[in-house]
Amino acid sequence: MKLALFDLDHTLLPIDSDYAWGVFTTTIGWTDPVDFLRRNDEFFAHYKAGTLDIHDYVRFATEAVRHQGARQSEAAHADFMRSVVRPAIKPQAVALVRQHQLAGDEVVIVTATNEFVTRPIAQAFGVAELIAVELARDTTSGGTGWITGEIKGVPSAREGKVTRVEAWLAQRQLRWADVETTFYTDSINDLSLMERVTHPVATNPDAALRAIASQRAWRILDLF
């Protein structure tokens, strides 16, 4: 089995979808623009530095959605897709995904961004398999059924991406040895998964990943 794994933000998309969603919620009046931008920038800086506490970040990133409820949040996300995400989906990124699909590869998007933000984006790329940060929901008696702000299970971030891909394989009675894997990512945060796959591809890589890819003779792809 051939498996093509794709990071999402700055790999298939030239934007960070989580960050962009936060900005979008500010523009529609869901959050205080000054306070939200300050906190969003702080979290983004921690992400780039590899010091992000993803549990704190997910509570912050889903706060507006939790308060607005499912119906309004899903409607707003549809507007976000139309105005922000779809214009950012580039033909060369779609072509890369299609290349693997046409070759018969199983394509999976593996992202540290939560499933609420990313599932419609994966669908826009024509990818059914998504490994994202799963969000816990209120399943108590008489509960809302809506997201709580907590993470369900292992977050698909940093080393957690390896754990989640292994779980995905195990659900299909597969191990690493049973698959030929290619992984595209821009981020040094994904080094653990890059070191695990058969074919690591540093895609639009940040400076740290570009340096390691050059040292190890990994393929470098400047998609954008």
C-alpha atoms as a PDB file:
ATOM      1  CA  MET A   1       0.000   0.000   0.000  1.00  0.00           C
ATOM      2  CA  LYS A   2       1.248   3.470  -0.869  1.00  0.00           C
ATOM      3  CA  LEU A   3       0.256   6.222   1.534  1.00  0.00           C
ATOM      4  CA  ALA A   4       0.605   9.955   0.808  1.00  0.00           C
ATOM      5  CA  LEU A   5       0.429  12.087   3.935  1.00  0.00           C
ATOM      6  CA  PHE A   6       0.004  15.852   3.711  1.00  0.00           C
ATOM      7  CA  ASP A   7       0.325  18.524   6.331  1.00  0.00           C
ATOM      8  CA  LEU A   8      -2.179  21.296   5.602  1.00  0.00           C
ATOM      9  CA  ASP A   9      -1.169  24.807   6.668  1.00  0.00           C
ATOM     10  CA  HIS A  10       1.690  26.294   4.602  1.00  0.00           C
ATOM     11  CA  THR A  11       2.007  22.915   2.871  1.00  0.00           C
ATOM     12  CA  LEU A  12      -1.162  22.443   0.819  1.00  0.00           C
ATOM     13  CA  LEU A  13      -2.399  25.912   1.745  1.00  0.00           C
ATOM     14  CA  PRO A  14      -0.231  29.064   1.605  1.00  0.00           C
ATOM     15  CA  ILE A  15      -2.005  30.246   4.765  1.00  0.00           C
ATOM     16  CA  ASP A  16      -2.449  28.981   8.316  1.00  0.00           C
ATOM     17  CA  SER A  17      -6.111  27.994   8.394  1.00  0.00           C
ATOM     18  CA  ASP A  18      -6.366  28.067  12.186  1.00  0.00           C
ATOM     19  CA  TYR A  19      -4.861  31.540  12.401  1.00  0.00           C
ATOM     20  CA  ALA A  20      -6.976  32.747   9.473  1.00  0.00           C
ATOM     21  CA  TRP A  21     -10.153  31.398  11.093  1.00  0.00           C
ATOM     22  CA  GLY A  22      -9.315  33.352  14.234  1.00  0.00           C
ATOM     23  CA  VAL A  23      -8.890  36.524  12.215  1.00  0.00           C
ATOM     24  CA  PHE A  24     -12.161  35.816  10.412  1.00  0.00           C
ATOM     25  CA  THR A  25     -14.105  35.449  13.665  1.00  0.00           C
ATOM     26  CA  THR A  26     -12.789  38.865  14.687  1.00  0.00           C
ATOM     27  CA  THR A  27     -13.930  40.457  11.435  1.00  0.00           C
ATOM     28  CA  ILE A  28     -17.481  39.188  11.989  1.00  0.00           C
ATOM     29  CA  GLY A  29     -17.538  40.548  15.517  1.00  0.00           C
ATOM     30  CA  TRP A  30     -17.238  37.362  17.538  1.00  0.00           C
ATOM     31  CA  THR A  31     -14.088  38.375  19.412  1.00  0.00           C
ATOM     32  CA  ASP A  32     -12.432  41.547  20.650  1.00  0.00           C
ATOM     33  CA  PRO A  33     -10.037  42.494  17.850  1.00  0.00           C
ATOM     34  CA  VAL A  34      -7.214  43.854  20.005  1.00  0.00           C
ATOM     35  CA  ASP A  35      -7.197  41.148  22.669  1.00  0.00           C
ATOM     36  CA  PHE A  36      -7.761  38.294  20.234  1.00  0.00           C
ATOM     37  CA  LEU A  37      -5.009  39.426  17.858  1.00  0.00           C
ATOM     38  CA  ARG A  38      -2.539  39.756  20.729  1.00  0.00           C
ATOM     39  CA  ARG A  39      -3.285  36.273  22.085  1.00  0.00           C
ATOM     40  CA  ASN A  40      -3.467  34.708  18.622  1.00  0.00           C
ATOM     41  CA  ASP A  41      -0.067  36.140  17.727  1.00  0.00           C
ATOM     42  CA  GLU A  42       1.404  34.870  21.001  1.00  0.00           C
ATOM     43  CA  PHE A  43       0.160  31.344  20.340  1.00  0.00           C
ATOM     44  CA  PHE A  44       1.367  31.476  16.728  1.00  0.00           C
ATOM     45  CA  ALA A  45       4.834  32.526  17.889  1.00  0.00           C
ATOM     46  CA  HIS A  46       4.905  29.584  20.306  1.00  0.00           C
ATOM     47  CA  TYR A  47       3.849  27.249  17.475  1.00  0.00           C
ATOM     48  CA  LYS A  48       6.694  28.442  15.257  1.00  0.00           C
ATOM     49  CA  ALA A  49       9.127  28.093  18.163  1.00  0.00           C
ATOM     50  CA  GLY A  50       7.910  24.572  18.976  1.00  0.00           C
ATOM     51  CA  THR A  51       6.750  25.574  22.467  1.00  0.00           C
ATOM     52  CA  LEU A  52       2.978  25.608  21.950  1.00  0.00           C
ATOM     53  CA  ASP A  53       0.736  24.144  24.663  1.00  0.00           C
ATOM     54  CA  ILE A  54      -1.863  22.755  22.297  1.00  0.00           C
ATOM     55  CA  HIS A  55      -4.482  22.198  24.998  1.00  0.00           C
ATOM     56  CA  ASP A  56      -4.382  25.880  25.999  1.00  0.00           C
ATOM     57  CA  TYR A  57      -4.423  26.883  22.366  1.00  0.00           C
ATOM     58  CA  VAL A  58      -7.444  24.750  21.446  1.00  0.00           C
ATOM     59  CA  ARG A  59      -9.423  26.183  24.380  1.00  0.00           C
ATOM     60  CA  PHE A  60      -8.574  29.658  23.097  1.00  0.00           C
ATOM     61  CA  ALA A  61      -9.164  28.876  19.414  1.00  0.00           C
ATOM     62  CA  THR A  62     -12.585  27.291  19.978  1.00  0.00           C
ATOM     63  CA  GLU A  63     -13.889  29.805  22.522  1.00  0.00           C
ATOM     64  CA  ALA A  64     -15.928  31.848  20.049  1.00  0.00           C
ATOM     65  CA  VAL A  65     -17.329  28.743  18.363  1.00  0.00           C
ATOM     66  CA  ARG A  66     -18.381  27.291  21.702  1.00  0.00           C
ATOM     67  CA  HIS A  67     -20.244  30.472  22.599  1.00  0.00           C
ATOM     68  CA  GLN A  68     -21.935  30.821  19.194  1.00  0.00           C
ATOM     69  CA  GLY A  69     -23.192  27.247  19.006  1.00  0.00           C
ATOM     70  CA  ALA A  70     -23.233  24.722  16.175  1.00  0.00           C
ATOM     71  CA  ARG A  71     -25.638  26.339  13.702  1.00  0.00           C
ATOM     72  CA  GLN A  72     -24.070  29.800  13.669  1.00  0.00           C
ATOM     73  CA  SER A  73     -20.548  28.393  13.716  1.00  0.00           C
ATOM     74  CA  GLU A  74     -21.143  26.107  10.744  1.00  0.00           C
ATOM     75  CA  ALA A  75     -22.743  28.935   8.770  1.00  0.00           C
ATOM     76  CA  ALA A  76     -19.806  31.208   9.550  1.00  0.00           C
ATOM     77  CA  HIS A  77     -17.355  28.507   8.523  1.00  0.00           C
ATOM     78  CA  ALA A  78     -19.112  28.174   5.161  1.00  0.00           C
ATOM     79  CA  ASP A  79     -18.547  31.910   4.646  1.00  0.00           C
ATOM     80  CA  PHE A  80     -14.924  31.455   5.733  1.00  0.00           C
ATOM     81  CA  MET A  81     -14.481  28.748   3.114  1.00  0.00           C
ATOM     82  CA  ARG A  82     -15.924  30.966   0.382  1.00  0.00           C
ATOM     83  CA  SER A  83     -14.081  34.152   1.222  1.00  0.00           C
ATOM     84  CA  VAL A  84     -10.753  32.966   2.649  1.00  0.00           C
ATOM     85  CA  VAL A  85      -9.939  29.318   2.014  1.00  0.00           C
ATOM     86  CA  ARG A  86     -11.093  28.605  -1.528  1.00  0.00           C
ATOM     87  CA  PRO A  87      -9.226  31.630  -2.963  1.00  0.00           C
ATOM     88  CA  ALA A  88      -6.110  30.282  -1.222  1.00  0.00           C
ATOM     89  CA  ILE A  89      -6.344  26.792  -2.756  1.00  0.00           C
ATOM     90  CA  LYS A  90      -3.758  26.867  -5.530  1.00  0.00           C
ATOM     91  CA  PRO A  91      -3.892  24.718  -8.690  1.00  0.00           C
ATOM     92  CA  GLN A  92      -0.434  23.271  -8.046  1.00  0.00           C
ATOM     93  CA  ALA A  93      -1.515  22.006  -4.624  1.00  0.00           C
ATOM     94  CA  VAL A  94      -4.642  20.385  -6.035  1.00  0.00           C
ATOM     95  CA  ALA A  95      -2.572  18.857  -8.827  1.00  0.00           C
ATOM     96  CA  LEU A  96      -0.134  17.324  -6.329  1.00  0.00           C
ATOM     97  CA  VAL A  97      -2.961  15.675  -4.404  1.00  0.00           C
ATOM     98  CA  ARG A  98      -4.574  14.429  -7.631  1.00  0.00           C
ATOM     99  CA  GLN A  99      -1.247  13.022  -8.809  1.00  0.00           C
ATOM    100  CA  HIS A 100      -1.163  10.693  -5.815  1.00  0.00           C
ATOM    101  CA  GLN A 101      -4.846   9.822  -6.089  1.00  0.00           C
ATOM    102  CA  LEU A 102      -4.539   8.956  -9.767  1.00  0.00           C
ATOM    103  CA  ALA A 103      -1.544   6.760  -8.953  1.00  0.00           C
ATOM    104  CA  GLY A 104      -3.777   4.792  -6.590  1.00  0.00           C
ATOM    105  CA  ASP A 105      -2.181   6.086  -3.395  1.00  0.00           C
ATOM    106  CA  GLU A 106      -4.233   6.487  -0.222  1.00  0.00           C
ATOM    107  CA  VAL A 107      -4.181  10.216   0.574  1.00  0.00           C
ATOM    108  CA  VAL A 108      -4.492  11.470   4.151  1.00  0.00           C
ATOM    109  CA  ILE A 109      -4.259  15.016   5.486  1.00  0.00           C
ATOM    110  CA  VAL A 110      -2.488  15.070   8.872  1.00  0.00           C
ATOM    111  CA  THR A 111      -2.795  18.415  10.628  1.00  0.00           C
ATOM    112  CA  ALA A 112      -2.358  19.956  14.062  1.00  0.00           C
ATOM    113  CA  THR A 113      -5.364  22.194  13.390  1.00  0.00           C
ATOM    114  CA  ASN A 114      -8.691  21.063  14.827  1.00  0.00           C
ATOM    115  CA  GLU A 115     -11.272  19.073  12.901  1.00  0.00           C
ATOM    116  CA  PHE A 116     -13.926  21.812  12.947  1.00  0.00           C
ATOM    117  CA  VAL A 117     -11.684  24.129  10.952  1.00  0.00           C
ATOM    118  CA  THR A 118     -10.084  21.544   8.696  1.00  0.00           C
ATOM    119  CA  ARG A 119     -12.646  18.922   7.687  1.00  0.00           C
ATOM    120  CA  PRO A 120     -14.358  21.187   5.115  1.00  0.00           C
ATOM    121  CA  ILE A 121     -10.907  22.136   3.798  1.00  0.00           C
ATOM    122  CA  ALA A 122      -9.931  18.488   3.341  1.00  0.00           C
ATOM    123  CA  GLN A 123     -13.210  17.953   1.495  1.00  0.00           C
ATOM    124  CA  ALA A 124     -12.415  20.926  -0.761  1.00  0.00           C
ATOM    125  CA  PHE A 125      -9.203  19.139  -1.739  1.00  0.00           C
ATOM    126  CA  GLY A 126     -11.168  15.970  -2.429  1.00  0.00           C
ATOM    127  CA  VAL A 127      -9.546  14.146   0.489  1.00  0.00           C
ATOM    128  CA  ALA A 128     -11.809  11.976   2.626  1.00  0.00           C
ATOM    129  CA  GLU A 129      -9.227  10.826   5.171  1.00  0.00           C
ATOM    130  CA  LEU A 130      -8.360  13.472   7.766  1.00  0.00           C
ATOM    131  CA  ILE A 131      -6.237  13.131  10.878  1.00  0.00           C
ATOM    132  CA  ALA A 132      -6.772  16.341  12.845  1.00  0.00           C
ATOM    133  CA  VAL A 133      -7.062  17.432  16.450  1.00  0.00           C
ATOM    134  CA  GLU A 134     -10.317  15.842  17.591  1.00  0.00           C
ATOM    135  CA  LEU A 135     -12.583  17.947  19.784  1.00  0.00           C
ATOM    136  CA  ALA A 136     -14.385  16.580  22.821  1.00  0.00           C
ATOM    137  CA  ARG A 137     -18.135  17.138  22.898  1.00  0.00           C
ATOM    138  CA  ASP A 138     -20.634  17.555  25.708  1.00  0.00           C
ATOM    139  CA  THR A 139     -22.248  14.121  25.851  1.00  0.00           C
ATOM    140  CA  THR A 140     -23.664  14.432  29.365  1.00  0.00           C
ATOM    141  CA  SER A 141     -27.347  13.778  29.959  1.00  0.00           C
ATOM    142  CA  GLY A 142     -29.148  16.869  28.690  1.00  0.00           C
ATOM    143  CA  GLY A 143     -25.879  18.250  27.336  1.00  0.00           C
ATOM    144  CA  THR A 144     -25.492  20.370  24.242  1.00  0.00           C
ATOM    145  CA  GLY A 145     -23.631  17.820  22.125  1.00  0.00           C
ATOM    146  CA  TRP A 146     -21.409  20.702  21.073  1.00  0.00           C
ATOM    147  CA  ILE A 147     -17.653  21.027  21.510  1.00  0.00           C
ATOM    148  CA  THR A 148     -16.290  21.707  24.983  1.00  0.00           C
ATOM    149  CA  GLY A 149     -12.906  23.214  24.189  1.00  0.00           C
ATOM    150  CA  GLU A 150     -11.017  20.111  25.295  1.00  0.00           C
ATOM    151  CA  ILE A 151      -9.112  17.718  23.067  1.00  0.00           C
ATOM    152  CA  LYS A 152     -10.309  14.155  22.558  1.00  0.00           C
ATOM    153  CA  GLY A 153      -7.496  11.609  22.609  1.00  0.00           C
ATOM    154  CA  VAL A 154      -3.983  12.301  21.354  1.00  0.00           C
ATOM    155  CA  PRO A 155      -3.596  15.632  19.541  1.00  0.00           C
ATOM    156  CA  SER A 156      -2.102  15.283  16.074  1.00  0.00           C
ATOM    157  CA  ALA A 157       0.758  17.681  16.774  1.00  0.00           C
ATOM    158  CA  ARG A 158       4.511  17.093  16.790  1.00  0.00           C
ATOM    159  CA  GLU A 159       5.188  13.494  17.983  1.00  0.00           C
ATOM    160  CA  GLY A 160       1.418  13.032  18.256  1.00  0.00           C
ATOM    161  CA  LYS A 161       1.247  12.912  14.468  1.00  0.00           C
ATOM    162  CA  VAL A 162       3.269   9.688  14.515  1.00  0.00           C
ATOM    163  CA  THR A 163       0.970   8.219  17.175  1.00  0.00           C
ATOM    164  CA  ARG A 164      -2.167   9.166  15.266  1.00  0.00           C
ATOM    165  CA  VAL A 165      -0.880   7.800  11.935  1.00  0.00           C
ATOM    166  CA  GLU A 166       0.074   4.559  13.687  1.00  0.00           C
ATOM    167  CA  ALA A 167      -3.458   4.348  15.101  1.00  0.00           C
ATOM    168  CA  TRP A 168      -4.891   5.003  11.619  1.00  0.00           C
ATOM    169  CA  LEU A 169      -2.789   2.156  10.241  1.00  0.00           C
ATOM    170  CA  ALA A 170      -3.710  -0.179  13.098  1.00  0.00           C
ATOM    171  CA  GLN A 171      -7.412   0.366  12.405  1.00  0.00           C
ATOM    172  CA  ARG A 172      -6.714  -1.128   8.979  1.00  0.00           C
ATOM    173  CA  GLN A 173      -4.593  -3.992  10.360  1.00  0.00           C
ATOM    174  CA  LEU A 174      -1.456  -2.342   8.950  1.00  0.00           C
ATOM    175  CA  ARG A 175       1.980  -1.449  10.306  1.00  0.00           C
ATOM    176  CA  TRP A 176       4.658   0.898   9.020  1.00  0.00           C
ATOM    177  CA  ALA A 177       6.379  -2.040   7.349  1.00  0.00           C
ATOM    178  CA  ASP A 178       3.234  -2.732   5.309  1.00  0.00           C
ATOM    179  CA  VAL A 179       3.109   0.679   3.629  1.00  0.00           C
ATOM    180  CA  GLU A 180       5.318   2.906   1.511  1.00  0.00           C
ATOM    181  CA  THR A 181       4.805   6.372   2.923  1.00  0.00           C
ATOM    182  CA  THR A 182       5.400   9.863   1.576  1.00  0.00           C
ATOM    183  CA  PHE A 183       4.944  12.872   3.847  1.00  0.00           C
ATOM    184  CA  TYR A 184       4.799  16.500   2.738  1.00  0.00           C
ATOM    185  CA  THR A 185       5.242  19.231   5.351  1.00  0.00           C
ATOM    186  CA  ASP A 186       6.637  22.723   5.765  1.00  0.00           C
ATOM    187  CA  SER A 187       7.363  22.589   9.483  1.00  0.00           C
ATOM    188  CA  ILE A 188      10.192  21.543  11.759  1.00  0.00           C
ATOM    189  CA  ASN A 189       7.414  20.658  14.229  1.00  0.00           C
ATOM    190  CA  ASP A 190       6.752  17.594  12.042  1.00  0.00           C
ATOM    191  CA  LEU A 191      10.301  16.271  12.186  1.00  0.00           C
ATOM    192  CA  SER A 192       9.269  13.116  14.079  1.00  0.00           C
ATOM    193  CA  LEU A 193       6.915  12.036  11.299  1.00  0.00           C
ATOM    194  CA  MET A 194       9.383  13.068   8.603  1.00  0.00           C
ATOM    195  CA  GLU A 195      11.940  10.729  10.182  1.00  0.00           C
ATOM    196  CA  ARG A 196       9.417   7.872  10.293  1.00  0.00           C
ATOM    197  CA  VAL A 197       8.182   7.805   6.685  1.00  0.00           C
ATOM    198  CA  THR A 198       9.749   6.248   3.600  1.00  0.00           C
ATOM    199  CA  HIS A 199       9.893   9.445   1.552  1.00  0.00           C
ATOM    200  CA  PRO A 200      10.037  12.758   3.471  1.00  0.00           C
ATOM    201  CA  VAL A 201       9.384  15.835   1.332  1.00  0.00           C
ATOM    202  CA  ALA A 202      10.144  19.252   2.831  1.00  0.00           C
ATOM    203  CA  THR A 203       7.443  21.359   1.207  1.00  0.00           C
ATOM    204  CA  ASN A 204       7.709  25.156   1.322  1.00  0.00           C
ATOM    205  CA  PRO A 205       9.940  24.412   4.325  1.00  0.00           C
ATOM    206  CA  ASP A 206      10.696  26.785   7.154  1.00  0.00           C
ATOM    207  CA  ALA A 207      14.366  27.623   7.644  1.00  0.00           C
ATOM    208  CA  ALA A 208      15.001  24.903  10.237  1.00  0.00           C
ATOM    209  CA  LEU A 209      13.409  22.141   8.175  1.00  0.00           C
ATOM    210  CA  ARG A 210      15.118  23.329   4.991  1.00  0.00           C
ATOM    211  CA  ALA A 211      18.491  23.074   6.701  1.00  0.00           C
ATOM    212  CA  ILE A 212      17.819  19.528   7.927  1.00  0.00           C
ATOM    213  CA  ALA A 213      16.397  18.462   4.564  1.00  0.00           C
ATOM    214  CA  SER A 214      19.544  19.743   2.839  1.00  0.00           C
ATOM    215  CA  GLN A 215      21.800  17.930   5.306  1.00  0.00           C
ATOM    216  CA  ARG A 216      19.935  14.643   4.929  1.00  0.00           C
ATOM    217  CA  ALA A 217      19.372  14.907   1.165  1.00  0.00           C
ATOM    218  CA  TRP A 218      15.613  14.897   1.555  1.00  0.00           C
ATOM    219  CA  ARG A 219      13.554  16.154  -1.335  1.00  0.00           C
ATOM    220  CA  ILE A 220      12.698  19.860  -1.115  1.00  0.00           C
ATOM    221  CA  LEU A 221       9.558  21.043  -2.900  1.00  0.00           C
ATOM    222  CA  ASP A 222       8.791  24.755  -3.166  1.00  0.00           C
ATOM    223  CA  LEU A 223       5.153  24.434  -4.126  1.00  0.00           C
ATOM    224  CA  PHE A 224       4.338  28.098  -3.621  1.00  0.00           C
END
